[in-house]
Structures are given as C-alpha cells and as structure tokens.
Amino acid sequence: MSASMVVGSVMLYTRIPSLTKYYMSELKLELTKMVTDVMPGQIDDVMPELPSATGPAIELPKSPF
C-alpha cells in the first residue's frame, strides 16, 4: 500500500510541470478569445470618425542659403 502511494506521488510530482503548462496554455487561449471578442466593440466606440476631406498642404521651411 505504501509502495503504491509512493509511486502515485512520484508520478503526480513528475507530471505537475506538464499539467501546469497545459492548463496555462488553455487559460491563455480562452482569455485571448474573450479579449478578442470584447475589444472590437470597445475600440469602435472610442475611435473618432475619419475626416472625409483634408486641408491644404504645408509649405516647407525656406532655406537660409
């Protein structure tokens, strides 16, 4: 019984890094999807309208030579 507990503990201890990496990547993927879904609506609300016409060209400074 104690041998099976030791073997189980060792297996769990050695698999913790891979399990943690897997769940962290899944969490990042889910958060990225959530942020991607929310951001376009908020960006569209904040962005001003683009102008339909522009002003005159700016003259270059006169050369002192």
PDB file of N, CA and C in Angstrom:
ATOM      1  N   MET A   1       0.824  -1.178   0.000  1.00  0.00           N
ATOM      2  CA  MET A   1       0.000   0.000   0.000  1.00  0.00           C
ATOM      3  C   MET A   1       0.881   1.260   0.000  1.00  0.00           C
ATOM      4  N   SER A   2       1.896   1.267   0.840  1.00  0.00           N
ATOM      5  CA  SER A   2       2.761   2.444   0.872  1.00  0.00           C
ATOM      6  C   SER A   2       3.574   2.563  -0.421  1.00  0.00           C
ATOM      7  N   ALA A   3       3.908   1.413  -1.027  1.00  0.00           N
ATOM      8  CA  ALA A   3       4.641   1.469  -2.290  1.00  0.00           C
ATOM      9  C   ALA A   3       3.776   2.100  -3.376  1.00  0.00           C
ATOM     10  N   SER A   4       2.496   1.779  -3.409  1.00  0.00           N
ATOM     11  CA  SER A   4       1.613   2.373  -4.413  1.00  0.00           C
ATOM     12  C   SER A   4       1.420   3.862  -4.150  1.00  0.00           C
ATOM     13  N   MET A   5       1.394   4.273  -2.900  1.00  0.00           N
ATOM     14  CA  MET A   5       1.286   5.698  -2.575  1.00  0.00           C
ATOM     15  C   MET A   5       2.546   6.438  -3.002  1.00  0.00           C
ATOM     16  N   VAL A   6       3.698   5.829  -2.808  1.00  0.00           N
ATOM     17  CA  VAL A   6       4.957   6.443  -3.214  1.00  0.00           C
ATOM     18  C   VAL A   6       5.008   6.554  -4.736  1.00  0.00           C
ATOM     19  N   VAL A   7       4.647   5.497  -5.438  1.00  0.00           N
ATOM     20  CA  VAL A   7       4.660   5.515  -6.900  1.00  0.00           C
ATOM     21  C   VAL A   7       3.666   6.558  -7.422  1.00  0.00           C
ATOM     22  N   GLY A   8       2.478   6.598  -6.847  1.00  0.00           N
ATOM     23  CA  GLY A   8       1.487   7.589  -7.256  1.00  0.00           C
ATOM     24  C   GLY A   8       1.959   9.008  -6.994  1.00  0.00           C
ATOM     25  N   SER A   9       2.575   9.239  -5.854  1.00  0.00           N
ATOM     26  CA  SER A   9       3.089  10.570  -5.522  1.00  0.00           C
ATOM     27  C   SER A   9       4.202  10.988  -6.468  1.00  0.00           C
ATOM     28  N   VAL A  10       5.107  10.064  -6.780  1.00  0.00           N
ATOM     29  CA  VAL A  10       6.214  10.361  -7.691  1.00  0.00           C
ATOM     30  C   VAL A  10       5.679  10.664  -9.083  1.00  0.00           C
ATOM     31  N   MET A  11       4.724   9.880  -9.553  1.00  0.00           N
ATOM     32  CA  MET A  11       4.153  10.134 -10.881  1.00  0.00           C
ATOM     33  C   MET A  11       3.446  11.481 -10.925  1.00  0.00           C
ATOM     34  N   LEU A  12       2.684  11.804  -9.896  1.00  0.00           N
ATOM     35  CA  LEU A  12       2.000  13.095  -9.855  1.00  0.00           C
ATOM     36  C   LEU A  12       3.009  14.235  -9.793  1.00  0.00           C
ATOM     37  N   TYR A  13       4.042  14.077  -8.974  1.00  0.00           N
ATOM     38  CA  TYR A  13       5.057  15.121  -8.844  1.00  0.00           C
ATOM     39  C   TYR A  13       5.793  15.367 -10.152  1.00  0.00           C
ATOM     40  N   THR A  14       6.067  14.296 -10.911  1.00  0.00           N
ATOM     41  CA  THR A  14       6.782  14.467 -12.168  1.00  0.00           C
ATOM     42  C   THR A  14       5.879  15.014 -13.270  1.00  0.00           C
ATOM     43  N   ARG A  15       4.566  14.846 -13.151  1.00  0.00           N
ATOM     44  CA  ARG A  15       3.650  15.331 -14.185  1.00  0.00           C
ATOM     45  C   ARG A  15       3.116  16.728 -13.895  1.00  0.00           C
ATOM     46  N   ILE A  16       3.378  17.289 -12.735  1.00  0.00           N
ATOM     47  CA  ILE A  16       2.864  18.620 -12.395  1.00  0.00           C
ATOM     48  C   ILE A  16       3.343  19.680 -13.384  1.00  0.00           C
ATOM     49  N   PRO A  17       4.607  19.755 -13.775  1.00  0.00           N
ATOM     50  CA  PRO A  17       5.012  20.798 -14.728  1.00  0.00           C
ATOM     51  C   PRO A  17       4.281  20.715 -16.066  1.00  0.00           C
ATOM     52  N   SER A  18       4.117  19.505 -16.611  1.00  0.00           N
ATOM     53  CA  SER A  18       3.429  19.385 -17.894  1.00  0.00           C
ATOM     54  C   SER A  18       1.950  19.703 -17.751  1.00  0.00           C
ATOM     55  N   LEU A  19       1.334  19.297 -16.649  1.00  0.00           N
ATOM     56  CA  LEU A  19      -0.068  19.634 -16.422  1.00  0.00           C
ATOM     57  C   LEU A  19      -0.256  21.131 -16.253  1.00  0.00           C
ATOM     58  N   THR A  20       0.646  21.760 -15.534  1.00  0.00           N
ATOM     59  CA  THR A  20       0.569  23.200 -15.331  1.00  0.00           C
ATOM     60  C   THR A  20       0.740  23.936 -16.654  1.00  0.00           C
ATOM     61  N   LYS A  21       1.696  23.519 -17.463  1.00  0.00           N
ATOM     62  CA  LYS A  21       1.925  24.144 -18.765  1.00  0.00           C
ATOM     63  C   LYS A  21       0.688  23.982 -19.657  1.00  0.00           C
ATOM     64  N   TYR A  22       0.083  22.798 -19.635  1.00  0.00           N
ATOM     65  CA  TYR A  22      -1.102  22.547 -20.452  1.00  0.00           C
ATOM     66  C   TYR A  22      -2.255  23.457 -20.028  1.00  0.00           C
ATOM     67  N   TYR A  23      -2.539  23.516 -18.741  1.00  0.00           N
ATOM     68  CA  TYR A  23      -3.662  24.325 -18.277  1.00  0.00           C
ATOM     69  C   TYR A  23      -3.399  25.823 -18.446  1.00  0.00           C
ATOM     70  N   MET A  24      -2.149  26.240 -18.322  1.00  0.00           N
ATOM     71  CA  MET A  24      -1.824  27.653 -18.555  1.00  0.00           C
ATOM     72  C   MET A  24      -2.033  28.012 -20.023  1.00  0.00           C
ATOM     73  N   SER A  25      -1.651  27.129 -20.947  1.00  0.00           N
ATOM     74  CA  SER A  25      -1.860  27.416 -22.369  1.00  0.00           C
ATOM     75  C   SER A  25      -3.345  27.441 -22.700  1.00  0.00           C
ATOM     76  N   GLU A  26      -4.127  26.563 -22.099  1.00  0.00           N
ATOM     77  CA  GLU A  26      -5.571  26.583 -22.306  1.00  0.00           C
ATOM     78  C   GLU A  26      -6.186  27.865 -21.755  1.00  0.00           C
ATOM     79  N   LEU A  27      -5.716  28.306 -20.601  1.00  0.00           N
ATOM     80  CA  LEU A  27      -6.212  29.535 -19.998  1.00  0.00           C
ATOM     81  C   LEU A  27      -5.867  30.743 -20.853  1.00  0.00           C
ATOM     82  N   LYS A  28      -4.644  30.804 -21.372  1.00  0.00           N
ATOM     83  CA  LYS A  28      -4.239  31.904 -22.246  1.00  0.00           C
ATOM     84  C   LYS A  28      -5.083  31.932 -23.511  1.00  0.00           C
ATOM     85  N   LEU A  29      -5.344  30.768 -24.085  1.00  0.00           N
ATOM     86  CA  LEU A  29      -6.164  30.687 -25.289  1.00  0.00           C
ATOM     87  C   LEU A  29      -7.577  31.190 -25.024  1.00  0.00           C
ATOM     88  N   GLU A  30      -8.156  30.788 -23.916  1.00  0.00           N
ATOM     89  CA  GLU A  30      -9.511  31.223 -23.571  1.00  0.00           C
ATOM     90  C   GLU A  30      -9.560  32.724 -23.297  1.00  0.00           C
ATOM     91  N   LEU A  31      -8.569  33.247 -22.585  1.00  0.00           N
ATOM     92  CA  LEU A  31      -8.525  34.687 -22.326  1.00  0.00           C
ATOM     93  C   LEU A  31      -8.338  35.480 -23.614  1.00  0.00           C
ATOM     94  N   THR A  32      -7.515  34.969 -24.518  1.00  0.00           N
ATOM     95  CA  THR A  32      -7.312  35.642 -25.799  1.00  0.00           C
ATOM     96  C   THR A  32      -8.614  35.703 -26.587  1.00  0.00           C
ATOM     97  N   LYS A  33      -9.371  34.610 -26.585  1.00  0.00           N
ATOM     98  CA  LYS A  33     -10.661  34.604 -27.274  1.00  0.00           C
ATOM     99  C   LYS A  33     -11.618  35.614 -26.656  1.00  0.00           C
ATOM    100  N   MET A  34     -11.651  35.679 -25.324  1.00  0.00           N
ATOM    101  CA  MET A  34     -12.560  36.605 -24.647  1.00  0.00           C
ATOM    102  C   MET A  34     -12.190  38.044 -24.954  1.00  0.00           C
ATOM    103  N   VAL A  35     -10.909  38.378 -24.879  1.00  0.00           N
ATOM    104  CA  VAL A  35     -10.464  39.744 -25.137  1.00  0.00           C
ATOM    105  C   VAL A  35     -10.705  40.110 -26.601  1.00  0.00           C
ATOM    106  N   THR A  36     -10.467  39.181 -27.510  1.00  0.00           N
ATOM    107  CA  THR A  36     -10.689  39.433 -28.930  1.00  0.00           C
ATOM    108  C   THR A  36     -12.164  39.702 -29.205  1.00  0.00           C
ATOM    109  N   ASP A  37     -13.049  39.009 -28.514  1.00  0.00           N
ATOM    110  CA  ASP A  37     -14.482  39.230 -28.707  1.00  0.00           C
ATOM    111  C   ASP A  37     -14.934  40.572 -28.137  1.00  0.00           C
ATOM    112  N   VAL A  38     -14.335  41.015 -27.045  1.00  0.00           N
ATOM    113  CA  VAL A  38     -14.764  42.246 -26.377  1.00  0.00           C
ATOM    114  C   VAL A  38     -14.157  43.491 -27.018  1.00  0.00           C
ATOM    115  N   MET A  39     -12.903  43.418 -27.437  1.00  0.00           N
ATOM    116  CA  MET A  39     -12.175  44.606 -27.888  1.00  0.00           C
ATOM    117  C   MET A  39     -12.750  45.309 -29.116  1.00  0.00           C
ATOM    118  N   PRO A  40     -13.162  44.641 -30.189  1.00  0.00           N
ATOM    119  CA  PRO A  40     -13.622  45.380 -31.364  1.00  0.00           C
ATOM    120  C   PRO A  40     -14.774  46.332 -31.060  1.00  0.00           C
ATOM    121  N   GLY A  41     -15.708  45.925 -30.238  1.00  0.00           N
ATOM    122  CA  GLY A  41     -16.821  46.798 -29.889  1.00  0.00           C
ATOM    123  C   GLY A  41     -16.359  48.020 -29.109  1.00  0.00           C
ATOM    124  N   GLN A  42     -15.454  47.849 -28.190  1.00  0.00           N
ATOM    125  CA  GLN A  42     -14.966  48.975 -27.400  1.00  0.00           C
ATOM    126  C   GLN A  42     -14.099  49.896 -28.233  1.00  0.00           C
ATOM    127  N   ILE A  43     -13.309  49.364 -29.144  1.00  0.00           N
ATOM    128  CA  ILE A  43     -12.459  50.196 -29.997  1.00  0.00           C
ATOM    129  C   ILE A  43     -13.335  51.033 -30.926  1.00  0.00           C
ATOM    130  N   ASP A  44     -14.374  50.431 -31.485  1.00  0.00           N
ATOM    131  CA  ASP A  44     -15.265  51.165 -32.383  1.00  0.00           C
ATOM    132  C   ASP A  44     -15.973  52.300 -31.655  1.00  0.00           C
ATOM    133  N   ASP A  45     -16.303  52.107 -30.374  1.00  0.00           N
ATOM    134  CA  ASP A  45     -16.966  53.160 -29.606  1.00  0.00           C
ATOM    135  C   ASP A  45     -16.038  54.337 -29.335  1.00  0.00           C
ATOM    136  N   VAL A  46     -14.755  54.094 -29.168  1.00  0.00           N
ATOM    137  CA  VAL A  46     -13.804  55.131 -28.783  1.00  0.00           C
ATOM    138  C   VAL A  46     -13.228  55.882 -29.987  1.00  0.00           C
ATOM    139  N   MET A  47     -13.069  55.207 -31.111  1.00  0.00           N
ATOM    140  CA  MET A  47     -12.424  55.811 -32.278  1.00  0.00           C
ATOM    141  C   MET A  47     -13.293  56.913 -32.876  1.00  0.00           C
ATOM    142  N   PRO A  48     -12.686  58.082 -33.189  1.00  0.00           N
ATOM    143  CA  PRO A  48     -13.455  59.146 -33.827  1.00  0.00           C
ATOM    144  C   PRO A  48     -13.664  58.840 -35.314  1.00  0.00           C
ATOM    145  N   GLU A  49     -14.593  59.566 -35.920  1.00  0.00           N
ATOM    146  CA  GLU A  49     -14.845  59.405 -37.354  1.00  0.00           C
ATOM    147  C   GLU A  49     -13.636  59.918 -38.141  1.00  0.00           C
ATOM    148  N   LEU A  50     -13.314  59.249 -39.223  1.00  0.00           N
ATOM    149  CA  LEU A  50     -12.238  59.718 -40.085  1.00  0.00           C
ATOM    150  C   LEU A  50     -12.742  60.879 -40.933  1.00  0.00           C
ATOM    151  N   PRO A  51     -11.904  61.895 -41.157  1.00  0.00           N
ATOM    152  CA  PRO A  51     -12.353  63.034 -41.967  1.00  0.00           C
ATOM    153  C   PRO A  51     -12.540  62.621 -43.429  1.00  0.00           C
ATOM    154  N   SER A  52     -13.486  63.297 -44.092  1.00  0.00           N
ATOM    155  CA  SER A  52     -13.730  62.975 -45.500  1.00  0.00           C
ATOM    156  C   SER A  52     -12.899  63.863 -46.423  1.00  0.00           C
ATOM    157  N   ALA A  53     -12.355  64.971 -45.894  1.00  0.00           N
ATOM    158  CA  ALA A  53     -11.521  65.867 -46.700  1.00  0.00           C
ATOM    159  C   ALA A  53     -10.329  66.295 -45.857  1.00  0.00           C
ATOM    160  N   THR A  54      -9.261  66.708 -46.518  1.00  0.00           N
ATOM    161  CA  THR A  54      -8.070  67.166 -45.812  1.00  0.00           C
ATOM    162  C   THR A  54      -7.831  68.640 -46.111  1.00  0.00           C
ATOM    163  N   GLY A  55      -6.978  69.264 -45.332  1.00  0.00           N
ATOM    164  CA  GLY A  55      -6.665  70.671 -45.510  1.00  0.00           C
ATOM    165  C   GLY A  55      -5.577  70.872 -46.558  1.00  0.00           C
ATOM    166  N   PRO A  56      -5.155  72.135 -46.752  1.00  0.00           N
ATOM    167  CA  PRO A  56      -4.112  72.402 -47.742  1.00  0.00           C
ATOM    168  C   PRO A  56      -2.762  71.827 -47.303  1.00  0.00           C
ATOM    169  N   ALA A  57      -1.862  71.698 -48.254  1.00  0.00           N
ATOM    170  CA  ALA A  57      -0.528  71.173 -47.969  1.00  0.00           C
ATOM    171  C   ALA A  57       0.260  72.185 -47.142  1.00  0.00           C
ATOM    172  N   ILE A  58       1.169  71.697 -46.324  1.00  0.00           N
ATOM    173  CA  ILE A  58       2.018  72.559 -45.501  1.00  0.00           C
ATOM    174  C   ILE A  58       3.278  72.885 -46.300  1.00  0.00           C
ATOM    175  N   GLU A  59       3.632  74.161 -46.321  1.00  0.00           N
ATOM    176  CA  GLU A  59       4.834  74.562 -47.064  1.00  0.00           C
ATOM    177  C   GLU A  59       6.093  74.132 -46.322  1.00  0.00           C
ATOM    178  N   LEU A  60       7.149  73.829 -47.081  1.00  0.00           N
ATOM    179  CA  LEU A  60       8.429  73.512 -46.496  1.00  0.00           C
ATOM    180  C   LEU A  60       9.080  74.798 -45.984  1.00  0.00           C
ATOM    181  N   PRO A  61       9.880  74.730 -44.921  1.00  0.00           N
ATOM    182  CA  PRO A  61      10.557  75.932 -44.444  1.00  0.00           C
ATOM    183  C   PRO A  61      11.523  76.454 -45.502  1.00  0.00           C
ATOM    184  N   LYS A  62      11.678  77.758 -45.540  1.00  0.00           N
ATOM    185  CA  LYS A  62      12.572  78.371 -46.533  1.00  0.00           C
ATOM    186  C   LYS A  62      14.020  78.105 -46.131  1.00  0.00           C
ATOM    187  N   SER A  63      14.848  77.839 -47.127  1.00  0.00           N
ATOM    188  CA  SER A  63      16.242  77.546 -46.897  1.00  0.00           C
ATOM    189  C   SER A  63      17.004  78.845 -46.612  1.00  0.00           C
ATOM    190  N   PRO A  64      17.896  78.890 -45.607  1.00  0.00           N
ATOM    191  CA  PRO A  64      18.636  80.100 -45.301  1.00  0.00           C
ATOM    192  C   PRO A  64      19.766  80.377 -46.314  1.00  0.00           C
ATOM    193  N   PHE A  65      19.994  79.504 -47.248  1.00  0.00           N
ATOM    194  CA  PHE A  65      21.096  79.690 -48.191  1.00  0.00           C
ATOM    195  C   PHE A  65      20.667  80.359 -49.441  1.00  0.00           C
TER     196      PHE A  65
END
